[in-house]
Amino acid sequence: MKIWYDITNTPQVHFLLAIDKLIKNIEPSVEPIYTAREFSETSKMLEQRVGKGAYITIGGHYGKSYWRKILGLAQRFTSVYLLPFTFDVSISCGSESAVWSAWLKRKVSIAFGDNDQARQWTYGHQVDYAFFPDAIPAEVLEKQGLKGKLYRYHGYKEDLYLADYKPNEKFTDMLPFKAEADGKKHYVVVRPENVQANYIRNGNVQPITPELLRELSAKGYNILYLPRYATDRAFADGLTNVFMPDGPINGLDACYYADAVLTGAGTFAREAACLGVPSFSFFAGKELLAVDKQMIANGEMFFSRDVKAIMEQLSHTEKREPNLARCKATQREVGEKLKEILEKIKA
């Protein structure tokens, strides 16, 4: 059985490779095929995990213009559809290119998601199976074409790959910060808002990252800064105690060893929260996702776009033990459903 994974964003590298591993535990003979979109170091991260030449890069980022995104989506779908490989199942995080191609070629498609505000209707009527956390009400997703195709599981999407996460003990060696009395390098991670994302529909949104970086630097925090775009790098100009890696790094390791993670990215905030690291979200979308609201309600994440409020909360937060039991339980639950689907396909 050939399973095709279409990876279109950096967080999907960890996630879909974890799904690949989960499936190989069920069906060791499966053959994976990887495609990636050249966006925010997605292909570079995938190369680190599977090796150079083990995947095909198709498409990139098409800017913030709505019509350019539509054109880019059409172009990428055409390129993907015409690829000269065969597959039995496509698995993606709601990639229209993957789902549409599978539908037209009469192959099975599986989509994973956790964004109740995304446009699931762009692929919902064509997909065969859709996995979402149960923090999202079923009726919200069913209205977007997923009725009769929906499987809602306990926990979070991030649990599925954190269940097997093993930190790299040498990760902090790459950081230029000095070790303190306890022998550890203390730092916070900052990831700016993605102002070019589809969910930022208000063109007047102003990033708070520059002010946040200034406040952290003034307070003496060591900052591992992970800019998205070249324009983001300028936010750190003239600041001390800021380190920007030259290339992609393992974001999970960055979270695990940090004293706190402050980010405009939902996935990064949830990864930190699942790892027991103080998680601060300054997500710039108009409304928080259902999964984030649940984490905030459970005290696993703090949300604000007020820098003073963030700094105040940061001053009295501490790490806690990661909820690995929940991660493992979520992984088992999803694995059992995938096994059921694969057995049905083979029958």
C-alpha atoms as a PDB file:
ATOM      1  CA  MET A   1       0.000   0.000   0.000  1.00  0.00           C
ATOM      2  CA  LYS A   2       1.315   3.433  -0.977  1.00  0.00           C
ATOM      3  CA  ILE A   3       0.402   6.352   1.248  1.00  0.00           C
ATOM      4  CA  TRP A   4       0.970   9.904   0.053  1.00  0.00           C
ATOM      5  CA  TYR A   5       1.585  12.681   2.586  1.00  0.00           C
ATOM      6  CA  ASP A   6       1.197  16.255   1.330  1.00  0.00           C
ATOM      7  CA  ILE A   7       2.935  18.614   3.786  1.00  0.00           C
ATOM      8  CA  THR A   8       2.126  22.301   3.304  1.00  0.00           C
ATOM      9  CA  ASN A   9       3.383  24.029   6.471  1.00  0.00           C
ATOM     10  CA  THR A  10       6.158  23.613   9.043  1.00  0.00           C
ATOM     11  CA  PRO A  11       4.046  22.208  11.952  1.00  0.00           C
ATOM     12  CA  GLN A  12       2.834  19.467   9.624  1.00  0.00           C
ATOM     13  CA  VAL A  13       6.330  17.992   9.325  1.00  0.00           C
ATOM     14  CA  HIS A  14       6.302  16.690  12.903  1.00  0.00           C
ATOM     15  CA  PHE A  15       2.643  15.787  12.730  1.00  0.00           C
ATOM     16  CA  LEU A  16       2.398  13.887   9.448  1.00  0.00           C
ATOM     17  CA  LEU A  17       5.672  12.031  10.019  1.00  0.00           C
ATOM     18  CA  ALA A  18       4.227  10.921  13.362  1.00  0.00           C
ATOM     19  CA  ILE A  19       1.124   9.675  11.533  1.00  0.00           C
ATOM     20  CA  ASP A  20       3.432   7.881   9.095  1.00  0.00           C
ATOM     21  CA  LYS A  21       5.173   6.164  12.015  1.00  0.00           C
ATOM     22  CA  LEU A  22       1.844   5.261  13.596  1.00  0.00           C
ATOM     23  CA  ILE A  23       0.640   3.684  10.357  1.00  0.00           C
ATOM     24  CA  LYS A  24       3.896   1.759   9.870  1.00  0.00           C
ATOM     25  CA  ASN A  25       3.344   0.234  13.314  1.00  0.00           C
ATOM     26  CA  ILE A  26      -0.022  -0.973  12.016  1.00  0.00           C
ATOM     27  CA  GLU A  27       1.086  -1.903   8.477  1.00  0.00           C
ATOM     28  CA  PRO A  28       4.905  -2.243   8.306  1.00  0.00           C
ATOM     29  CA  SER A  29       4.844  -2.808   4.544  1.00  0.00           C
ATOM     30  CA  VAL A  30       3.333   0.574   3.615  1.00  0.00           C
ATOM     31  CA  GLU A  31       5.372   2.774   1.287  1.00  0.00           C
ATOM     32  CA  PRO A  32       5.294   6.525   2.036  1.00  0.00           C
ATOM     33  CA  ILE A  33       5.437   9.266  -0.598  1.00  0.00           C
ATOM     34  CA  TYR A  34       6.123  12.844   0.533  1.00  0.00           C
ATOM     35  CA  THR A  35       5.362  16.131  -1.165  1.00  0.00           C
ATOM     36  CA  ALA A  36       5.979  19.535   0.399  1.00  0.00           C
ATOM     37  CA  ARG A  37       5.188  23.175  -0.207  1.00  0.00           C
ATOM     38  CA  GLU A  38       8.144  25.581  -0.083  1.00  0.00           C
ATOM     39  CA  PHE A  39       6.827  27.752   2.712  1.00  0.00           C
ATOM     40  CA  SER A  40       8.439  28.949   5.968  1.00  0.00           C
ATOM     41  CA  GLU A  41      11.240  26.339   5.812  1.00  0.00           C
ATOM     42  CA  THR A  42       8.796  23.428   5.436  1.00  0.00           C
ATOM     43  CA  SER A  43      10.901  21.591   2.872  1.00  0.00           C
ATOM     44  CA  LYS A  44      14.124  22.230   4.808  1.00  0.00           C
ATOM     45  CA  MET A  45      12.623  20.733   7.967  1.00  0.00           C
ATOM     46  CA  LEU A  46      11.345  17.743   6.001  1.00  0.00           C
ATOM     47  CA  GLU A  47      14.790  17.250   4.484  1.00  0.00           C
ATOM     48  CA  GLN A  48      16.285  17.090   7.988  1.00  0.00           C
ATOM     49  CA  ARG A  49      13.864  14.313   8.881  1.00  0.00           C
ATOM     50  CA  VAL A  50      13.665  12.142   5.753  1.00  0.00           C
ATOM     51  CA  GLY A  51      16.757  13.139   3.769  1.00  0.00           C
ATOM     52  CA  LYS A  52      17.482  15.058   0.603  1.00  0.00           C
ATOM     53  CA  GLY A  53      15.695  13.717  -2.442  1.00  0.00           C
ATOM     54  CA  ALA A  54      13.138  11.772  -0.408  1.00  0.00           C
ATOM     55  CA  TYR A  55      10.328  14.197  -1.219  1.00  0.00           C
ATOM     56  CA  ILE A  56       9.011  16.408  -4.008  1.00  0.00           C
ATOM     57  CA  THR A  57       8.638  20.172  -3.520  1.00  0.00           C
ATOM     58  CA  ILE A  58       5.592  21.731  -5.184  1.00  0.00           C
ATOM     59  CA  GLY A  59       4.460  25.356  -4.903  1.00  0.00           C
ATOM     60  CA  GLY A  60       5.304  28.052  -2.391  1.00  0.00           C
ATOM     61  CA  HIS A  61       3.786  31.018  -0.630  1.00  0.00           C
ATOM     62  CA  TYR A  62       1.594  33.232  -2.768  1.00  0.00           C
ATOM     63  CA  GLY A  63       1.415  36.352  -0.606  1.00  0.00           C
ATOM     64  CA  LYS A  64      -1.488  37.843   1.298  1.00  0.00           C
ATOM     65  CA  SER A  65      -3.653  38.802  -1.683  1.00  0.00           C
ATOM     66  CA  TYR A  66      -6.836  36.726  -1.747  1.00  0.00           C
ATOM     67  CA  TRP A  67      -6.799  36.355  -5.528  1.00  0.00           C
ATOM     68  CA  ARG A  68      -3.120  35.443  -5.631  1.00  0.00           C
ATOM     69  CA  LYS A  69      -3.816  32.724  -3.066  1.00  0.00           C
ATOM     70  CA  ILE A  70      -6.688  31.384  -5.183  1.00  0.00           C
ATOM     71  CA  LEU A  71      -4.478  31.366  -8.276  1.00  0.00           C
ATOM     72  CA  GLY A  72      -1.643  29.740  -6.330  1.00  0.00           C
ATOM     73  CA  LEU A  73      -3.977  27.045  -5.010  1.00  0.00           C
ATOM     74  CA  ALA A  74      -5.167  26.263  -8.541  1.00  0.00           C
ATOM     75  CA  GLN A  75      -1.621  26.135  -9.859  1.00  0.00           C
ATOM     76  CA  ARG A  76      -0.450  23.853  -7.065  1.00  0.00           C
ATOM     77  CA  PHE A  77      -3.413  21.499  -7.486  1.00  0.00           C
ATOM     78  CA  THR A  78      -2.688  21.195 -11.199  1.00  0.00           C
ATOM     79  CA  SER A  79       0.983  20.447 -10.501  1.00  0.00           C
ATOM     80  CA  VAL A  80       0.124  17.902  -7.819  1.00  0.00           C
ATOM     81  CA  TYR A  81      -2.542  16.190  -9.904  1.00  0.00           C
ATOM     82  CA  LEU A  82      -0.123  15.717 -12.804  1.00  0.00           C
ATOM     83  CA  LEU A  83       2.645  14.169 -10.694  1.00  0.00           C
ATOM     84  CA  PRO A  84       3.734  10.815 -12.139  1.00  0.00           C
ATOM     85  CA  PHE A  85       3.251   8.638  -9.058  1.00  0.00           C
ATOM     86  CA  THR A  86       0.501   6.319  -7.932  1.00  0.00           C
ATOM     87  CA  PHE A  87      -0.929   6.044  -4.416  1.00  0.00           C
ATOM     88  CA  ASP A  88      -3.687   4.244  -2.528  1.00  0.00           C
ATOM     89  CA  VAL A  89      -4.359   6.769   0.245  1.00  0.00           C
ATOM     90  CA  SER A  90      -3.641  10.486   0.606  1.00  0.00           C
ATOM     91  CA  ILE A  91      -3.129  11.899   4.096  1.00  0.00           C
ATOM     92  CA  SER A  92      -2.851  15.620   4.751  1.00  0.00           C
ATOM     93  CA  CYS A  93      -3.801  18.410   7.103  1.00  0.00           C
ATOM     94  CA  GLY A  94      -6.661  19.544   4.901  1.00  0.00           C
ATOM     95  CA  SER A  95      -4.630  20.008   1.726  1.00  0.00           C
ATOM     96  CA  GLU A  96      -7.065  20.739  -1.076  1.00  0.00           C
ATOM     97  CA  SER A  97      -4.493  19.584  -3.620  1.00  0.00           C
ATOM     98  CA  ALA A  98      -4.241  16.176  -1.962  1.00  0.00           C
ATOM     99  CA  VAL A  99      -7.951  15.679  -1.307  1.00  0.00           C
ATOM    100  CA  TRP A 100      -9.068  16.874  -4.756  1.00  0.00           C
ATOM    101  CA  SER A 101      -6.443  14.723  -6.492  1.00  0.00           C
ATOM    102  CA  ALA A 102      -7.477  11.645  -4.510  1.00  0.00           C
ATOM    103  CA  TRP A 103     -11.144  12.314  -5.261  1.00  0.00           C
ATOM    104  CA  LEU A 104     -10.576  12.689  -9.008  1.00  0.00           C
ATOM    105  CA  LYS A 105      -8.376   9.578  -9.082  1.00  0.00           C
ATOM    106  CA  ARG A 106     -10.896   7.633  -6.972  1.00  0.00           C
ATOM    107  CA  LYS A 107      -8.458   7.039  -4.150  1.00  0.00           C
ATOM    108  CA  VAL A 108      -9.088   7.297  -0.396  1.00  0.00           C
ATOM    109  CA  SER A 109      -8.270  10.576   1.354  1.00  0.00           C
ATOM    110  CA  ILE A 110      -7.796  11.274   5.057  1.00  0.00           C
ATOM    111  CA  ALA A 111      -7.558  14.796   6.457  1.00  0.00           C
ATOM    112  CA  PHE A 112      -6.485  15.948   9.906  1.00  0.00           C
ATOM    113  CA  GLY A 113      -7.296  19.366  11.321  1.00  0.00           C
ATOM    114  CA  ASP A 114      -7.905  21.367  14.475  1.00  0.00           C
ATOM    115  CA  ASN A 115      -8.960  24.734  13.095  1.00  0.00           C
ATOM    116  CA  ASP A 116     -12.694  25.289  13.482  1.00  0.00           C
ATOM    117  CA  GLN A 117     -12.396  28.602  11.613  1.00  0.00           C
ATOM    118  CA  ALA A 118     -10.620  27.259   8.537  1.00  0.00           C
ATOM    119  CA  ARG A 119     -12.493  26.710   5.275  1.00  0.00           C
ATOM    120  CA  GLN A 120     -13.107  22.961   5.564  1.00  0.00           C
ATOM    121  CA  TRP A 121     -15.785  23.358   2.891  1.00  0.00           C
ATOM    122  CA  THR A 122     -13.038  23.660   0.253  1.00  0.00           C
ATOM    123  CA  TYR A 123     -12.380  19.926   0.624  1.00  0.00           C
ATOM    124  CA  GLY A 124     -15.082  18.670   3.003  1.00  0.00           C
ATOM    125  CA  HIS A 125     -17.389  17.198   0.370  1.00  0.00           C
ATOM    126  CA  GLN A 126     -14.552  15.305  -1.336  1.00  0.00           C
ATOM    127  CA  VAL A 127     -12.638  13.902   1.634  1.00  0.00           C
ATOM    128  CA  ASP A 128     -13.378  10.376   2.887  1.00  0.00           C
ATOM    129  CA  TYR A 129     -12.294  10.659   6.538  1.00  0.00           C
ATOM    130  CA  ALA A 130     -11.634  13.717   8.712  1.00  0.00           C
ATOM    131  CA  PHE A 131      -9.997  13.645  12.169  1.00  0.00           C
ATOM    132  CA  PHE A 132     -10.541  16.578  14.563  1.00  0.00           C
ATOM    133  CA  PRO A 133     -10.176  17.116  18.350  1.00  0.00           C
ATOM    134  CA  ASP A 134     -13.429  16.886  20.282  1.00  0.00           C
ATOM    135  CA  ALA A 135     -12.869  20.424  21.612  1.00  0.00           C
ATOM    136  CA  ILE A 136     -14.545  21.474  18.353  1.00  0.00           C
ATOM    137  CA  PRO A 137     -18.341  20.982  18.273  1.00  0.00           C
ATOM    138  CA  ALA A 138     -19.342  18.427  15.641  1.00  0.00           C
ATOM    139  CA  GLU A 139     -22.038  20.658  14.176  1.00  0.00           C
ATOM    140  CA  VAL A 140     -19.468  23.337  13.283  1.00  0.00           C
ATOM    141  CA  LEU A 141     -17.547  20.873  11.121  1.00  0.00           C
ATOM    142  CA  GLU A 142     -20.582  19.049   9.734  1.00  0.00           C
ATOM    143  CA  LYS A 143     -21.865  22.319   8.261  1.00  0.00           C
ATOM    144  CA  GLN A 144     -18.658  22.457   6.184  1.00  0.00           C
ATOM    145  CA  GLY A 145     -19.278  19.164   4.437  1.00  0.00           C
ATOM    146  CA  LEU A 146     -17.805  16.702   6.951  1.00  0.00           C
ATOM    147  CA  LYS A 147     -21.042  15.077   8.101  1.00  0.00           C
ATOM    148  CA  GLY A 148     -20.708  11.289   8.042  1.00  0.00           C
ATOM    149  CA  LYS A 149     -16.913  11.566   7.560  1.00  0.00           C
ATOM    150  CA  LEU A 150     -15.953  13.012  10.915  1.00  0.00           C
ATOM    151  CA  TYR A 151     -13.991  11.305  13.684  1.00  0.00           C
ATOM    152  CA  ARG A 152     -13.518  13.415  16.823  1.00  0.00           C
ATOM    153  CA  TYR A 153     -10.866  12.297  19.300  1.00  0.00           C
ATOM    154  CA  HIS A 154      -9.913  13.283  22.840  1.00  0.00           C
ATOM    155  CA  GLY A 155      -6.909  15.528  23.380  1.00  0.00           C
ATOM    156  CA  TYR A 156      -5.060  17.669  20.851  1.00  0.00           C
ATOM    157  CA  LYS A 157      -3.435  17.189  17.455  1.00  0.00           C
ATOM    158  CA  GLU A 158      -0.064  17.984  19.050  1.00  0.00           C
ATOM    159  CA  ASP A 159      -0.491  15.019  21.429  1.00  0.00           C
ATOM    160  CA  LEU A 160      -0.138  12.636  18.506  1.00  0.00           C
ATOM    161  CA  TYR A 161       3.516  13.441  17.881  1.00  0.00           C
ATOM    162  CA  LEU A 162       4.535  14.508  21.381  1.00  0.00           C
ATOM    163  CA  ALA A 163       3.626  11.015  22.615  1.00  0.00           C
ATOM    164  CA  ASP A 164       6.925   9.750  21.148  1.00  0.00           C
ATOM    165  CA  TYR A 165       8.979  12.920  21.485  1.00  0.00           C
ATOM    166  CA  LYS A 166      12.502  12.506  22.824  1.00  0.00           C
ATOM    167  CA  PRO A 167      14.421  15.749  23.443  1.00  0.00           C
ATOM    168  CA  ASN A 168      17.839  16.218  21.907  1.00  0.00           C
ATOM    169  CA  GLU A 169      20.160  16.467  24.914  1.00  0.00           C
ATOM    170  CA  LYS A 170      22.631  18.554  22.904  1.00  0.00           C
ATOM    171  CA  PHE A 171      20.114  21.112  21.650  1.00  0.00           C
ATOM    172  CA  THR A 172      21.183  23.928  23.962  1.00  0.00           C
ATOM    173  CA  ASP A 173      24.817  23.529  22.849  1.00  0.00           C
ATOM    174  CA  MET A 174      23.922  25.574  19.766  1.00  0.00           C
ATOM    175  CA  LEU A 175      22.656  28.481  21.840  1.00  0.00           C
ATOM    176  CA  PRO A 176      25.196  31.253  22.581  1.00  0.00           C
ATOM    177  CA  PHE A 177      23.733  32.015  26.022  1.00  0.00           C
ATOM    178  CA  LYS A 178      25.843  31.428  29.138  1.00  0.00           C
ATOM    179  CA  ALA A 179      24.929  28.639  31.519  1.00  0.00           C
ATOM    180  CA  GLU A 180      23.745  29.858  34.921  1.00  0.00           C
ATOM    181  CA  ALA A 181      24.430  28.562  38.428  1.00  0.00           C
ATOM    182  CA  ASP A 182      22.237  25.512  37.891  1.00  0.00           C
ATOM    183  CA  GLY A 183      24.290  24.554  34.842  1.00  0.00           C
ATOM    184  CA  LYS A 184      21.444  25.288  32.419  1.00  0.00           C
ATOM    185  CA  LYS A 185      21.034  27.875  29.684  1.00  0.00           C
ATOM    186  CA  HIS A 186      17.900  29.854  30.457  1.00  0.00           C
ATOM    187  CA  TYR A 187      15.976  31.532  27.660  1.00  0.00           C
ATOM    188  CA  VAL A 188      12.532  32.263  26.280  1.00  0.00           C
ATOM    189  CA  VAL A 189      11.360  31.555  22.736  1.00  0.00           C
ATOM    190  CA  VAL A 190       9.644  34.268  20.697  1.00  0.00           C
ATOM    191  CA  ARG A 191       7.847  33.544  17.439  1.00  0.00           C
ATOM    192  CA  PRO A 192       6.152  36.516  15.714  1.00  0.00           C
ATOM    193  CA  GLU A 193       2.621  36.692  14.378  1.00  0.00           C
ATOM    194  CA  ASN A 194       2.069  35.469  10.844  1.00  0.00           C
ATOM    195  CA  VAL A 195       0.578  38.650   9.415  1.00  0.00           C
ATOM    196  CA  GLN A 196       0.510  37.103   5.916  1.00  0.00           C
ATOM    197  CA  ALA A 197      -1.666  34.172   6.975  1.00  0.00           C
ATOM    198  CA  ASN A 198      -5.162  33.603   5.610  1.00  0.00           C
ATOM    199  CA  TYR A 199      -6.671  34.001   9.080  1.00  0.00           C
ATOM    200  CA  ILE A 200      -5.388  37.598   9.411  1.00  0.00           C
ATOM    201  CA  ARG A 201      -8.223  39.170   7.475  1.00  0.00           C
ATOM    202  CA  ASN A 202      -7.810  42.596   9.015  1.00  0.00           C
ATOM    203  CA  GLY A 203      -5.069  44.333   7.051  1.00  0.00           C
ATOM    204  CA  ASN A 204      -4.635  46.861   9.861  1.00  0.00           C
ATOM    205  CA  VAL A 205      -3.312  44.305  12.370  1.00  0.00           C
ATOM    206  CA  GLN A 206      -0.069  45.602  13.871  1.00  0.00           C
ATOM    207  CA  PRO A 207       2.407  43.052  15.288  1.00  0.00           C
ATOM    208  CA  ILE A 208       3.241  43.376  18.976  1.00  0.00           C
ATOM    209  CA  THR A 209       6.461  41.386  18.499  1.00  0.00           C
ATOM    210  CA  PRO A 210       8.752  44.471  18.314  1.00  0.00           C
ATOM    211  CA  GLU A 211       7.479  45.839  21.627  1.00  0.00           C
ATOM    212  CA  LEU A 212       7.589  42.386  23.239  1.00  0.00           C
ATOM    213  CA  LEU A 213      11.196  41.857  22.170  1.00  0.00           C
ATOM    214  CA  ARG A 214      12.196  45.272  23.550  1.00  0.00           C
ATOM    215  CA  GLU A 215      10.569  44.551  26.915  1.00  0.00           C
ATOM    216  CA  LEU A 216      12.121  41.097  27.209  1.00  0.00           C
ATOM    217  CA  SER A 217      15.555  42.420  26.288  1.00  0.00           C
ATOM    218  CA  ALA A 218      15.246  45.292  28.773  1.00  0.00           C
ATOM    219  CA  LYS A 219      14.361  42.791  31.522  1.00  0.00           C
ATOM    220  CA  GLY A 220      17.488  40.763  30.767  1.00  0.00           C
ATOM    221  CA  TYR A 221      15.849  37.683  29.258  1.00  0.00           C
ATOM    222  CA  ASN A 222      17.847  35.587  26.831  1.00  0.00           C
ATOM    223  CA  ILE A 223      15.701  35.348  23.683  1.00  0.00           C
ATOM    224  CA  LEU A 224      15.696  32.603  21.077  1.00  0.00           C
ATOM    225  CA  TYR A 225      13.954  34.512  18.299  1.00  0.00           C
ATOM    226  CA  LEU A 226      12.428  32.578  15.394  1.00  0.00           C
ATOM    227  CA  PRO A 227      11.342  35.075  12.709  1.00  0.00           C
ATOM    228  CA  ARG A 228       9.095  33.943   9.873  1.00  0.00           C
ATOM    229  CA  TYR A 229      10.066  36.414   7.164  1.00  0.00           C
ATOM    230  CA  ALA A 230      13.004  38.701   6.429  1.00  0.00           C
ATOM    231  CA  THR A 231      10.921  41.665   7.614  1.00  0.00           C
ATOM    232  CA  ASP A 232      10.523  40.003  11.020  1.00  0.00           C
ATOM    233  CA  ARG A 233      14.277  39.945  11.566  1.00  0.00           C
ATOM    234  CA  ALA A 234      14.373  43.749  11.714  1.00  0.00           C
ATOM    235  CA  PHE A 235      12.229  43.665  14.872  1.00  0.00           C
ATOM    236  CA  ALA A 236      15.311  42.589  16.817  1.00  0.00           C
ATOM    237  CA  ASP A 237      17.676  45.262  15.489  1.00  0.00           C
ATOM    238  CA  GLY A 238      19.742  46.868  18.237  1.00  0.00           C
ATOM    239  CA  LEU A 239      18.566  44.482  20.971  1.00  0.00           C
ATOM    240  CA  THR A 240      20.844  42.471  23.239  1.00  0.00           C
ATOM    241  CA  ASN A 241      20.558  38.848  24.312  1.00  0.00           C
ATOM    242  CA  VAL A 242      18.754  37.887  21.094  1.00  0.00           C
ATOM    243  CA  PHE A 243      19.794  34.849  19.052  1.00  0.00           C
ATOM    244  CA  MET A 244      18.374  34.083  15.596  1.00  0.00           C
ATOM    245  CA  PRO A 245      19.443  30.703  14.142  1.00  0.00           C
ATOM    246  CA  ASP A 246      20.761  30.746  10.580  1.00  0.00           C
ATOM    247  CA  GLY A 247      18.604  27.783   9.538  1.00  0.00           C
ATOM    248  CA  PRO A 248      15.646  25.699  10.685  1.00  0.00           C
ATOM    249  CA  ILE A 249      15.781  24.177  14.147  1.00  0.00           C
ATOM    250  CA  ASN A 250      13.688  21.579  15.933  1.00  0.00           C
ATOM    251  CA  GLY A 251      10.875  23.646  17.406  1.00  0.00           C
ATOM    252  CA  LEU A 252       9.986  20.935  19.919  1.00  0.00           C
ATOM    253  CA  ASP A 253      13.485  21.027  21.393  1.00  0.00           C
ATOM    254  CA  ALA A 254      13.343  24.815  21.455  1.00  0.00           C
ATOM    255  CA  CYS A 255      10.100  24.600  23.453  1.00  0.00           C
ATOM    256  CA  TYR A 256      11.206  21.796  25.756  1.00  0.00           C
ATOM    257  CA  TYR A 257      14.322  23.531  27.072  1.00  0.00           C
ATOM    258  CA  ALA A 258      12.800  27.033  27.231  1.00  0.00           C
ATOM    259  CA  ASP A 259      11.589  28.763  30.374  1.00  0.00           C
ATOM    260  CA  ALA A 260       8.618  30.049  28.365  1.00  0.00           C
ATOM    261  CA  VAL A 261       7.312  30.256  24.812  1.00  0.00           C
ATOM    262  CA  LEU A 262       5.736  33.486  23.575  1.00  0.00           C
ATOM    263  CA  THR A 263       4.236  33.159  20.148  1.00  0.00           C
ATOM    264  CA  GLY A 264       1.744  34.438  17.634  1.00  0.00           C
ATOM    265  CA  ALA A 265       1.479  30.876  16.273  1.00  0.00           C
ATOM    266  CA  GLY A 266      -1.246  28.617  17.608  1.00  0.00           C
ATOM    267  CA  THR A 267       0.573  25.333  17.000  1.00  0.00           C
ATOM    268  CA  PHE A 268       3.740  26.520  18.737  1.00  0.00           C
ATOM    269  CA  ALA A 269       1.733  27.692  21.762  1.00  0.00           C
ATOM    270  CA  ARG A 270      -0.062  24.344  22.002  1.00  0.00           C
ATOM    271  CA  GLU A 271       3.192  22.396  21.669  1.00  0.00           C
ATOM    272  CA  ALA A 272       4.668  24.342  24.579  1.00  0.00           C
ATOM    273  CA  ALA A 273       1.535  23.838  26.659  1.00  0.00           C
ATOM    274  CA  CYS A 274       1.545  20.081  26.013  1.00  0.00           C
ATOM    275  CA  LEU A 275       5.221  19.952  27.058  1.00  0.00           C
ATOM    276  CA  GLY A 276       4.432  21.705  30.339  1.00  0.00           C
ATOM    277  CA  VAL A 277       6.284  24.880  29.327  1.00  0.00           C
ATOM    278  CA  PRO A 278       4.636  28.235  30.177  1.00  0.00           C
ATOM    279  CA  SER A 279       2.784  29.075  26.982  1.00  0.00           C
ATOM    280  CA  PHE A 280       1.885  32.613  25.932  1.00  0.00           C
ATOM    281  CA  SER A 281      -0.193  33.212  22.831  1.00  0.00           C
ATOM    282  CA  PHE A 282      -0.582  36.586  21.167  1.00  0.00           C
ATOM    283  CA  PHE A 283      -2.401  35.114  18.170  1.00  0.00           C
ATOM    284  CA  ALA A 284      -3.492  37.903  15.827  1.00  0.00           C
ATOM    285  CA  GLY A 285      -6.590  36.326  14.304  1.00  0.00           C
ATOM    286  CA  LYS A 286     -10.010  37.771  15.013  1.00  0.00           C
ATOM    287  CA  GLU A 287     -11.043  34.820  17.170  1.00  0.00           C
ATOM    288  CA  LEU A 288      -9.173  32.098  19.033  1.00  0.00           C
ATOM    289  CA  LEU A 289      -9.576  28.497  17.929  1.00  0.00           C
ATOM    290  CA  ALA A 290     -11.715  26.140  20.007  1.00  0.00           C
ATOM    291  CA  VAL A 291      -8.631  24.094  20.971  1.00  0.00           C
ATOM    292  CA  ASP A 292      -6.875  27.223  22.248  1.00  0.00           C
ATOM    293  CA  LYS A 293      -9.939  28.306  24.208  1.00  0.00           C
ATOM    294  CA  GLN A 294      -9.996  24.895  25.882  1.00  0.00           C
ATOM    295  CA  MET A 295      -6.315  25.127  26.816  1.00  0.00           C
ATOM    296  CA  ILE A 296      -6.797  28.626  28.208  1.00  0.00           C
ATOM    297  CA  ALA A 297      -9.801  27.475  30.233  1.00  0.00           C
ATOM    298  CA  ASN A 298      -7.699  24.592  31.598  1.00  0.00           C
ATOM    299  CA  GLY A 299      -4.894  26.964  32.623  1.00  0.00           C
ATOM    300  CA  GLU A 300      -2.436  25.459  30.117  1.00  0.00           C
ATOM    301  CA  MET A 301      -2.063  28.611  28.018  1.00  0.00           C
ATOM    302  CA  PHE A 302      -2.194  32.383  28.601  1.00  0.00           C
ATOM    303  CA  PHE A 303      -3.542  34.664  25.886  1.00  0.00           C
ATOM    304  CA  SER A 304      -3.141  38.420  25.505  1.00  0.00           C
ATOM    305  CA  ARG A 305      -2.075  40.988  22.933  1.00  0.00           C
ATOM    306  CA  ASP A 306      -1.157  43.405  25.705  1.00  0.00           C
ATOM    307  CA  VAL A 307       2.619  43.294  26.225  1.00  0.00           C
ATOM    308  CA  LYS A 308       2.361  44.559  29.812  1.00  0.00           C
ATOM    309  CA  ALA A 309      -0.102  41.791  30.680  1.00  0.00           C
ATOM    310  CA  ILE A 310       2.167  39.193  29.091  1.00  0.00           C
ATOM    311  CA  MET A 311       5.234  40.442  30.966  1.00  0.00           C
ATOM    312  CA  GLU A 312       3.338  40.466  34.266  1.00  0.00           C
ATOM    313  CA  GLN A 313       2.152  36.885  33.775  1.00  0.00           C
ATOM    314  CA  LEU A 314       5.607  35.769  32.646  1.00  0.00           C
ATOM    315  CA  SER A 315       7.183  37.065  35.847  1.00  0.00           C
ATOM    316  CA  HIS A 316       5.429  34.423  37.978  1.00  0.00           C
ATOM    317  CA  THR A 317       5.084  31.329  35.810  1.00  0.00           C
ATOM    318  CA  GLU A 318       6.874  28.021  36.197  1.00  0.00           C
ATOM    319  CA  LYS A 319       7.210  24.822  34.233  1.00  0.00           C
ATOM    320  CA  ARG A 320       5.039  21.828  35.018  1.00  0.00           C
ATOM    321  CA  GLU A 321       5.205  18.160  34.113  1.00  0.00           C
ATOM    322  CA  PRO A 322       4.010  17.386  30.554  1.00  0.00           C
ATOM    323  CA  ASN A 323       0.799  15.385  30.279  1.00  0.00           C
ATOM    324  CA  LEU A 324       2.354  12.378  28.564  1.00  0.00           C
ATOM    325  CA  ALA A 325      -0.487  10.086  29.687  1.00  0.00           C
ATOM    326  CA  ARG A 326      -2.932  12.154  27.646  1.00  0.00           C
ATOM    327  CA  CYS A 327      -0.548  12.183  24.677  1.00  0.00           C
ATOM    328  CA  LYS A 328      -0.261   8.398  24.709  1.00  0.00           C
ATOM    329  CA  ALA A 329      -4.016   7.934  25.122  1.00  0.00           C
ATOM    330  CA  THR A 330      -4.726  10.252  22.176  1.00  0.00           C
ATOM    331  CA  GLN A 331      -2.184   8.436  20.030  1.00  0.00           C
ATOM    332  CA  ARG A 332      -3.722   5.033  20.845  1.00  0.00           C
ATOM    333  CA  GLU A 333      -7.230   6.285  20.106  1.00  0.00           C
ATOM    334  CA  VAL A 334      -6.318   7.701  16.699  1.00  0.00           C
ATOM    335  CA  GLY A 335      -4.166   4.667  15.890  1.00  0.00           C
ATOM    336  CA  GLU A 336      -7.104   2.328  16.468  1.00  0.00           C
ATOM    337  CA  LYS A 337      -9.303   4.338  14.116  1.00  0.00           C
ATOM    338  CA  LEU A 338      -6.593   4.430  11.430  1.00  0.00           C
ATOM    339  CA  LYS A 339      -6.202   0.663  11.723  1.00  0.00           C
ATOM    340  CA  GLU A 340      -9.932   0.275  11.188  1.00  0.00           C
ATOM    341  CA  ILE A 341      -9.802   2.483   8.075  1.00  0.00           C
ATOM    342  CA  LEU A 342      -6.797   0.660   6.578  1.00  0.00           C
ATOM    343  CA  GLU A 343      -8.432  -2.735   7.124  1.00  0.00           C
ATOM    344  CA  LYS A 344     -11.529  -1.466   5.365  1.00  0.00           C
ATOM    345  CA  ILE A 345      -9.441  -0.242   2.417  1.00  0.00           C
ATOM    346  CA  LYS A 346      -7.678  -3.586   2.086  1.00  0.00           C
ATOM    347  CA  ALA A 347     -10.883  -5.609   2.301  1.00  0.00           C
END
